[in-house]
């Protein structure tokens, strides 16, 4: 079924009838302003708000403490401060966990435990204890988000969104439209007990396929 869907898109694009590109036109097509705008809009639409205890949308001009977000980008949405103690809101961007393997090929395909390291969770808890904290997670694979949801004022998921696209959603400049493409499991024990060849087989998922809040 997956191969059929991929081939359908390729046929619709005419790749089999006309597999060659116009090299002379490439420079005016790749990176064109309208294409960049469409790409950013798609990224805004993909951001999924998984939990929100009233922290979102945040007010433009708020004092922001950021990690994993370019300061110059964040400065367009609020006043960036140096410490959580100075902030009205903390914005942290992290990635789903994976285990380092012995070869570059194995590391290209992230694998291993879906649980965040203790030091990562401790760092988030420390910041969340001093200021309302929004944690955005790059979900190239599902992650055990329960310990983060418990302490964060809001949790969002992304699949490679530019920080400006993310901040547009978090600030309410763009609507929250993203939905989960998979379940978020409640624990590694539930993952290990599930059948690897059956979709949506983890018991009592924290968030189910299609979950996504509006703001």
C-alpha atoms as a PDB file:
ATOM      1  CA  UNK A   1       0.000   0.000   0.000  1.00  0.00           C
ATOM      2  CA  UNK A   2       2.804   2.438   0.813  1.00  0.00           C
ATOM      3  CA  UNK A   3       4.499   1.784  -2.529  1.00  0.00           C
ATOM      4  CA  UNK A   4       1.187   2.300  -4.312  1.00  0.00           C
ATOM      5  CA  UNK A   5       0.670   5.689  -2.660  1.00  0.00           C
ATOM      6  CA  UNK A   6       4.190   6.814  -3.550  1.00  0.00           C
ATOM      7  CA  UNK A   7       3.810   5.706  -7.165  1.00  0.00           C
ATOM      8  CA  UNK A   8       0.431   7.453  -7.430  1.00  0.00           C
ATOM      9  CA  UNK A   9       2.041  10.783  -6.537  1.00  0.00           C
ATOM     10  CA  UNK A  10       4.840  10.234  -9.042  1.00  0.00           C
ATOM     11  CA  UNK A  11       2.378   9.452 -11.823  1.00  0.00           C
ATOM     12  CA  UNK A  12       0.313  12.537 -10.899  1.00  0.00           C
ATOM     13  CA  UNK A  13       3.451  14.674 -11.184  1.00  0.00           C
ATOM     14  CA  UNK A  14       4.229  13.194 -14.593  1.00  0.00           C
ATOM     15  CA  UNK A  15       7.627  11.908 -13.546  1.00  0.00           C
ATOM     16  CA  UNK A  16       7.371   8.823 -15.710  1.00  0.00           C
ATOM     17  CA  UNK A  17       6.182  10.663 -18.833  1.00  0.00           C
ATOM     18  CA  UNK A  18       8.736  13.473 -18.472  1.00  0.00           C
ATOM     19  CA  UNK A  19      11.552  12.490 -16.107  1.00  0.00           C
ATOM     20  CA  UNK A  20      13.918  15.262 -17.215  1.00  0.00           C
ATOM     21  CA  UNK A  21      14.175  18.730 -15.735  1.00  0.00           C
ATOM     22  CA  UNK A  22      14.901  22.071 -17.333  1.00  0.00           C
ATOM     23  CA  UNK A  23      18.262  22.895 -15.778  1.00  0.00           C
ATOM     24  CA  UNK A  24      18.126  26.481 -17.061  1.00  0.00           C
ATOM     25  CA  UNK A  25      14.873  27.090 -15.169  1.00  0.00           C
ATOM     26  CA  UNK A  26      16.046  25.520 -11.911  1.00  0.00           C
ATOM     27  CA  UNK A  27      17.619  28.686 -10.523  1.00  0.00           C
ATOM     28  CA  UNK A  28      14.353  30.623 -10.859  1.00  0.00           C
ATOM     29  CA  UNK A  29      12.241  27.798  -9.402  1.00  0.00           C
ATOM     30  CA  UNK A  30      14.285  26.517  -6.459  1.00  0.00           C
ATOM     31  CA  UNK A  31      13.926  28.902  -3.552  1.00  0.00           C
ATOM     32  CA  UNK A  32      11.441  31.163  -5.313  1.00  0.00           C
ATOM     33  CA  UNK A  33       9.602  33.457  -2.848  1.00  0.00           C
ATOM     34  CA  UNK A  34       6.199  31.893  -3.549  1.00  0.00           C
ATOM     35  CA  UNK A  35       7.613  28.417  -2.985  1.00  0.00           C
ATOM     36  CA  UNK A  36       9.257  29.456   0.267  1.00  0.00           C
ATOM     37  CA  UNK A  37       5.976  31.011   1.411  1.00  0.00           C
ATOM     38  CA  UNK A  38       4.089  27.819   0.574  1.00  0.00           C
ATOM     39  CA  UNK A  39       6.689  25.763   2.435  1.00  0.00           C
ATOM     40  CA  UNK A  40       6.432  27.910   5.566  1.00  0.00           C
ATOM     41  CA  UNK A  41       2.648  27.734   5.454  1.00  0.00           C
ATOM     42  CA  UNK A  42       2.850  23.941   5.265  1.00  0.00           C
ATOM     43  CA  UNK A  43       5.203  23.947   8.242  1.00  0.00           C
ATOM     44  CA  UNK A  44       2.822  26.146  10.250  1.00  0.00           C
ATOM     45  CA  UNK A  45      -0.024  23.773   9.423  1.00  0.00           C
ATOM     46  CA  UNK A  46       1.985  20.779  10.628  1.00  0.00           C
ATOM     47  CA  UNK A  47       2.718  22.014  14.174  1.00  0.00           C
ATOM     48  CA  UNK A  48       0.604  19.937  16.576  1.00  0.00           C
ATOM     49  CA  UNK A  49      -0.346  21.361  19.964  1.00  0.00           C
ATOM     50  CA  UNK A  50      -0.448  18.297  22.213  1.00  0.00           C
ATOM     51  CA  UNK A  51      -1.175  19.909  25.573  1.00  0.00           C
ATOM     52  CA  UNK A  52      -1.870  23.435  26.748  1.00  0.00           C
ATOM     53  CA  UNK A  53      -2.545  24.616  30.299  1.00  0.00           C
ATOM     54  CA  UNK A  54      -3.304  28.167  29.181  1.00  0.00           C
ATOM     55  CA  UNK A  55       0.218  29.216  28.194  1.00  0.00           C
ATOM     56  CA  UNK A  56      -0.660  29.424  24.495  1.00  0.00           C
ATOM     57  CA  UNK A  57      -1.018  31.545  22.557  1.00  0.00           C
ATOM     58  CA  UNK A  58       1.560  33.760  24.228  1.00  0.00           C
ATOM     59  CA  UNK A  59       1.387  37.541  23.985  1.00  0.00           C
ATOM     60  CA  UNK A  60       3.657  39.210  21.453  1.00  0.00           C
ATOM     61  CA  UNK A  61       6.265  41.274  23.261  1.00  0.00           C
ATOM     62  CA  UNK A  62       6.492  38.910  26.238  1.00  0.00           C
ATOM     63  CA  UNK A  63       9.838  38.295  27.876  1.00  0.00           C
ATOM     64  CA  UNK A  64      11.066  34.989  26.421  1.00  0.00           C
ATOM     65  CA  UNK A  65      13.764  32.600  27.542  1.00  0.00           C
ATOM     66  CA  UNK A  66      14.637  30.296  24.646  1.00  0.00           C
ATOM     67  CA  UNK A  67      16.697  27.172  24.079  1.00  0.00           C
ATOM     68  CA  UNK A  68      17.053  25.581  20.658  1.00  0.00           C
ATOM     69  CA  UNK A  69      15.624  28.670  18.936  1.00  0.00           C
ATOM     70  CA  UNK A  70      17.709  31.303  17.189  1.00  0.00           C
ATOM     71  CA  UNK A  71      17.681  34.434  19.344  1.00  0.00           C
ATOM     72  CA  UNK A  72      17.245  36.719  16.330  1.00  0.00           C
ATOM     73  CA  UNK A  73      14.142  34.801  15.250  1.00  0.00           C
ATOM     74  CA  UNK A  74      12.680  34.804  18.761  1.00  0.00           C
ATOM     75  CA  UNK A  75      13.335  38.553  19.093  1.00  0.00           C
ATOM     76  CA  UNK A  76      10.683  39.190  16.438  1.00  0.00           C
ATOM     77  CA  UNK A  77       8.067  37.763  18.829  1.00  0.00           C
ATOM     78  CA  UNK A  78       9.173  39.037  22.215  1.00  0.00           C
ATOM     79  CA  UNK A  79      12.038  40.357  24.312  1.00  0.00           C
ATOM     80  CA  UNK A  80      14.610  37.585  24.710  1.00  0.00           C
ATOM     81  CA  UNK A  81      16.122  37.356  28.196  1.00  0.00           C
ATOM     82  CA  UNK A  82      19.165  35.497  29.456  1.00  0.00           C
ATOM     83  CA  UNK A  83      17.658  33.415  32.270  1.00  0.00           C
ATOM     84  CA  UNK A  84      14.339  31.733  33.070  1.00  0.00           C
ATOM     85  CA  UNK A  85      14.026  33.886  36.195  1.00  0.00           C
ATOM     86  CA  UNK A  86      13.707  36.999  34.005  1.00  0.00           C
ATOM     87  CA  UNK A  87      11.155  35.502  31.630  1.00  0.00           C
ATOM     88  CA  UNK A  88       7.396  35.473  31.299  1.00  0.00           C
ATOM     89  CA  UNK A  89       7.650  32.258  29.274  1.00  0.00           C
ATOM     90  CA  UNK A  90      10.341  29.694  28.434  1.00  0.00           C
ATOM     91  CA  UNK A  91      10.399  28.088  24.980  1.00  0.00           C
ATOM     92  CA  UNK A  92      12.483  24.919  24.668  1.00  0.00           C
ATOM     93  CA  UNK A  93      13.025  22.935  21.455  1.00  0.00           C
ATOM     94  CA  UNK A  94      14.272  19.377  21.810  1.00  0.00           C
ATOM     95  CA  UNK A  95      14.351  16.237  19.668  1.00  0.00           C
ATOM     96  CA  UNK A  96      12.891  12.799  20.290  1.00  0.00           C
ATOM     97  CA  UNK A  97      15.488  10.568  21.961  1.00  0.00           C
ATOM     98  CA  UNK A  98      17.400   7.764  20.296  1.00  0.00           C
ATOM     99  CA  UNK A  99      20.393   5.593  21.098  1.00  0.00           C
ATOM    100  CA  UNK A 100      23.768   5.989  19.436  1.00  0.00           C
ATOM    101  CA  UNK A 101      24.733   2.914  17.444  1.00  0.00           C
ATOM    102  CA  UNK A 102      28.092   1.645  16.207  1.00  0.00           C
ATOM    103  CA  UNK A 103      27.871   2.738  12.577  1.00  0.00           C
ATOM    104  CA  UNK A 104      26.884   5.858  10.651  1.00  0.00           C
ATOM    105  CA  UNK A 105      24.261   3.857   8.733  1.00  0.00           C
ATOM    106  CA  UNK A 106      22.590   2.668  11.938  1.00  0.00           C
ATOM    107  CA  UNK A 107      22.611   6.184  13.378  1.00  0.00           C
ATOM    108  CA  UNK A 108      20.933   7.541  10.233  1.00  0.00           C
ATOM    109  CA  UNK A 109      17.850   5.527  11.198  1.00  0.00           C
ATOM    110  CA  UNK A 110      17.194   6.552  14.788  1.00  0.00           C
ATOM    111  CA  UNK A 111      16.415   3.587  16.996  1.00  0.00           C
ATOM    112  CA  UNK A 112      16.451   2.456  20.589  1.00  0.00           C
ATOM    113  CA  UNK A 113      14.606   3.682  23.662  1.00  0.00           C
ATOM    114  CA  UNK A 114      11.944   6.375  23.323  1.00  0.00           C
ATOM    115  CA  UNK A 115      12.574   7.620  26.861  1.00  0.00           C
ATOM    116  CA  UNK A 116      14.360  10.924  27.403  1.00  0.00           C
ATOM    117  CA  UNK A 117      17.576  10.847  29.435  1.00  0.00           C
ATOM    118  CA  UNK A 118      17.217  11.730  33.105  1.00  0.00           C
ATOM    119  CA  UNK A 119      19.368  14.831  32.675  1.00  0.00           C
ATOM    120  CA  UNK A 120      17.087  16.176  29.931  1.00  0.00           C
ATOM    121  CA  UNK A 121      13.994  15.706  32.080  1.00  0.00           C
ATOM    122  CA  UNK A 122      15.721  17.230  35.110  1.00  0.00           C
ATOM    123  CA  UNK A 123      16.675  20.299  33.078  1.00  0.00           C
ATOM    124  CA  UNK A 124      13.102  20.768  31.850  1.00  0.00           C
ATOM    125  CA  UNK A 125      11.715  20.328  35.365  1.00  0.00           C
ATOM    126  CA  UNK A 126      14.137  22.922  36.712  1.00  0.00           C
ATOM    127  CA  UNK A 127      13.085  25.525  34.163  1.00  0.00           C
ATOM    128  CA  UNK A 128       9.376  24.697  34.444  1.00  0.00           C
ATOM    129  CA  UNK A 129       9.579  25.168  38.213  1.00  0.00           C
ATOM    130  CA  UNK A 130      10.544  28.822  37.760  1.00  0.00           C
ATOM    131  CA  UNK A 131       8.536  29.949  34.715  1.00  0.00           C
ATOM    132  CA  UNK A 132       5.697  28.613  32.520  1.00  0.00           C
ATOM    133  CA  UNK A 133       7.469  26.481  29.937  1.00  0.00           C
ATOM    134  CA  UNK A 134       6.531  25.394  26.421  1.00  0.00           C
ATOM    135  CA  UNK A 135       8.413  22.355  25.121  1.00  0.00           C
ATOM    136  CA  UNK A 136       8.450  21.693  21.382  1.00  0.00           C
ATOM    137  CA  UNK A 137       9.618  18.212  20.357  1.00  0.00           C
ATOM    138  CA  UNK A 138      10.945  17.203  16.940  1.00  0.00           C
ATOM    139  CA  UNK A 139       9.050  13.937  16.547  1.00  0.00           C
ATOM    140  CA  UNK A 140      10.961  12.129  13.829  1.00  0.00           C
ATOM    141  CA  UNK A 141       9.865   9.148  15.941  1.00  0.00           C
ATOM    142  CA  UNK A 142       7.388   8.826  18.818  1.00  0.00           C
ATOM    143  CA  UNK A 143       8.698   9.719  22.254  1.00  0.00           C
ATOM    144  CA  UNK A 144       7.648   9.095  25.853  1.00  0.00           C
ATOM    145  CA  UNK A 145       6.279  12.568  26.569  1.00  0.00           C
ATOM    146  CA  UNK A 146       4.449  11.892  29.834  1.00  0.00           C
ATOM    147  CA  UNK A 147       7.170  13.258  32.154  1.00  0.00           C
ATOM    148  CA  UNK A 148       7.344  16.442  30.056  1.00  0.00           C
ATOM    149  CA  UNK A 149       3.577  16.920  29.804  1.00  0.00           C
ATOM    150  CA  UNK A 150       3.380  16.644  33.600  1.00  0.00           C
ATOM    151  CA  UNK A 151       5.554  19.723  34.170  1.00  0.00           C
ATOM    152  CA  UNK A 152       5.305  21.839  31.010  1.00  0.00           C
ATOM    153  CA  UNK A 153       2.679  24.534  30.516  1.00  0.00           C
ATOM    154  CA  UNK A 154       2.326  23.323  26.916  1.00  0.00           C
ATOM    155  CA  UNK A 155       3.845  20.674  24.672  1.00  0.00           C
ATOM    156  CA  UNK A 156       3.917  20.778  20.873  1.00  0.00           C
ATOM    157  CA  UNK A 157       5.201  18.414  18.210  1.00  0.00           C
ATOM    158  CA  UNK A 158       6.879  19.277  14.937  1.00  0.00           C
ATOM    159  CA  UNK A 159       8.408  17.411  12.002  1.00  0.00           C
ATOM    160  CA  UNK A 160      11.079  19.874  10.924  1.00  0.00           C
ATOM    161  CA  UNK A 161       9.337  23.250  11.182  1.00  0.00           C
ATOM    162  CA  UNK A 162      11.350  26.467  10.903  1.00  0.00           C
ATOM    163  CA  UNK A 163      11.408  28.316  14.245  1.00  0.00           C
ATOM    164  CA  UNK A 164       9.470  31.234  12.728  1.00  0.00           C
ATOM    165  CA  UNK A 165       6.730  28.837  11.597  1.00  0.00           C
ATOM    166  CA  UNK A 166       6.586  27.378  15.108  1.00  0.00           C
ATOM    167  CA  UNK A 167       6.494  30.790  16.789  1.00  0.00           C
ATOM    168  CA  UNK A 168       3.744  31.964  14.449  1.00  0.00           C
ATOM    169  CA  UNK A 169       1.581  29.142  15.827  1.00  0.00           C
ATOM    170  CA  UNK A 170       2.629  29.555  19.463  1.00  0.00           C
ATOM    171  CA  UNK A 171       1.926  33.307  19.361  1.00  0.00           C
ATOM    172  CA  UNK A 172      -1.434  32.893  17.639  1.00  0.00           C
ATOM    173  CA  UNK A 173      -0.326  34.589  14.415  1.00  0.00           C
ATOM    174  CA  UNK A 174      -1.217  31.344  12.618  1.00  0.00           C
ATOM    175  CA  UNK A 175      -3.875  28.816  13.644  1.00  0.00           C
ATOM    176  CA  UNK A 176      -2.881  25.535  15.261  1.00  0.00           C
ATOM    177  CA  UNK A 177      -3.868  22.895  12.695  1.00  0.00           C
ATOM    178  CA  UNK A 178      -1.381  20.044  13.127  1.00  0.00           C
ATOM    179  CA  UNK A 179      -2.445  16.491  14.007  1.00  0.00           C
ATOM    180  CA  UNK A 180      -0.393  13.524  15.172  1.00  0.00           C
ATOM    181  CA  UNK A 181       0.464  11.001  12.429  1.00  0.00           C
ATOM    182  CA  UNK A 182       0.952   8.261  15.036  1.00  0.00           C
ATOM    183  CA  UNK A 183       0.143   7.419  18.655  1.00  0.00           C
ATOM    184  CA  UNK A 184       2.344   8.752  21.442  1.00  0.00           C
ATOM    185  CA  UNK A 185       2.882   5.801  23.806  1.00  0.00           C
ATOM    186  CA  UNK A 186       2.445   6.122  27.541  1.00  0.00           C
ATOM    187  CA  UNK A 187       5.583   4.136  28.395  1.00  0.00           C
ATOM    188  CA  UNK A 188       8.379   2.005  26.986  1.00  0.00           C
ATOM    189  CA  UNK A 189       6.758  -0.983  28.658  1.00  0.00           C
ATOM    190  CA  UNK A 190       3.676  -0.424  26.485  1.00  0.00           C
ATOM    191  CA  UNK A 191       5.895  -0.165  23.401  1.00  0.00           C
ATOM    192  CA  UNK A 192       7.752  -3.372  24.225  1.00  0.00           C
ATOM    193  CA  UNK A 193       4.479  -5.216  24.823  1.00  0.00           C
ATOM    194  CA  UNK A 194       2.995  -4.139  21.481  1.00  0.00           C
ATOM    195  CA  UNK A 195       3.155  -6.145  18.273  1.00  0.00           C
ATOM    196  CA  UNK A 196       5.691  -4.642  15.841  1.00  0.00           C
ATOM    197  CA  UNK A 197       3.598  -5.365  12.746  1.00  0.00           C
ATOM    198  CA  UNK A 198       0.264  -3.998  14.023  1.00  0.00           C
ATOM    199  CA  UNK A 199      -0.452  -0.253  13.936  1.00  0.00           C
ATOM    200  CA  UNK A 200      -1.880   1.539  16.984  1.00  0.00           C
ATOM    201  CA  UNK A 201      -1.186  -1.496  19.163  1.00  0.00           C
ATOM    202  CA  UNK A 202       0.345   0.203  22.218  1.00  0.00           C
ATOM    203  CA  UNK A 203      -1.925   0.074  25.264  1.00  0.00           C
ATOM    204  CA  UNK A 204      -3.425   3.302  26.637  1.00  0.00           C
ATOM    205  CA  UNK A 205      -1.476   5.822  24.484  1.00  0.00           C
ATOM    206  CA  UNK A 206      -0.855   9.241  25.981  1.00  0.00           C
ATOM    207  CA  UNK A 207      -2.034  10.887  22.741  1.00  0.00           C
ATOM    208  CA  UNK A 208      -3.730   9.083  19.897  1.00  0.00           C
ATOM    209  CA  UNK A 209      -3.299   9.327  16.139  1.00  0.00           C
ATOM    210  CA  UNK A 210      -4.999  12.500  14.892  1.00  0.00           C
ATOM    211  CA  UNK A 211      -4.680  14.368  18.199  1.00  0.00           C
ATOM    212  CA  UNK A 212      -4.047  18.098  17.983  1.00  0.00           C
ATOM    213  CA  UNK A 213      -5.505  21.039  19.907  1.00  0.00           C
ATOM    214  CA  UNK A 214      -6.595  24.377  18.525  1.00  0.00           C
ATOM    215  CA  UNK A 215      -5.699  27.659  20.202  1.00  0.00           C
END
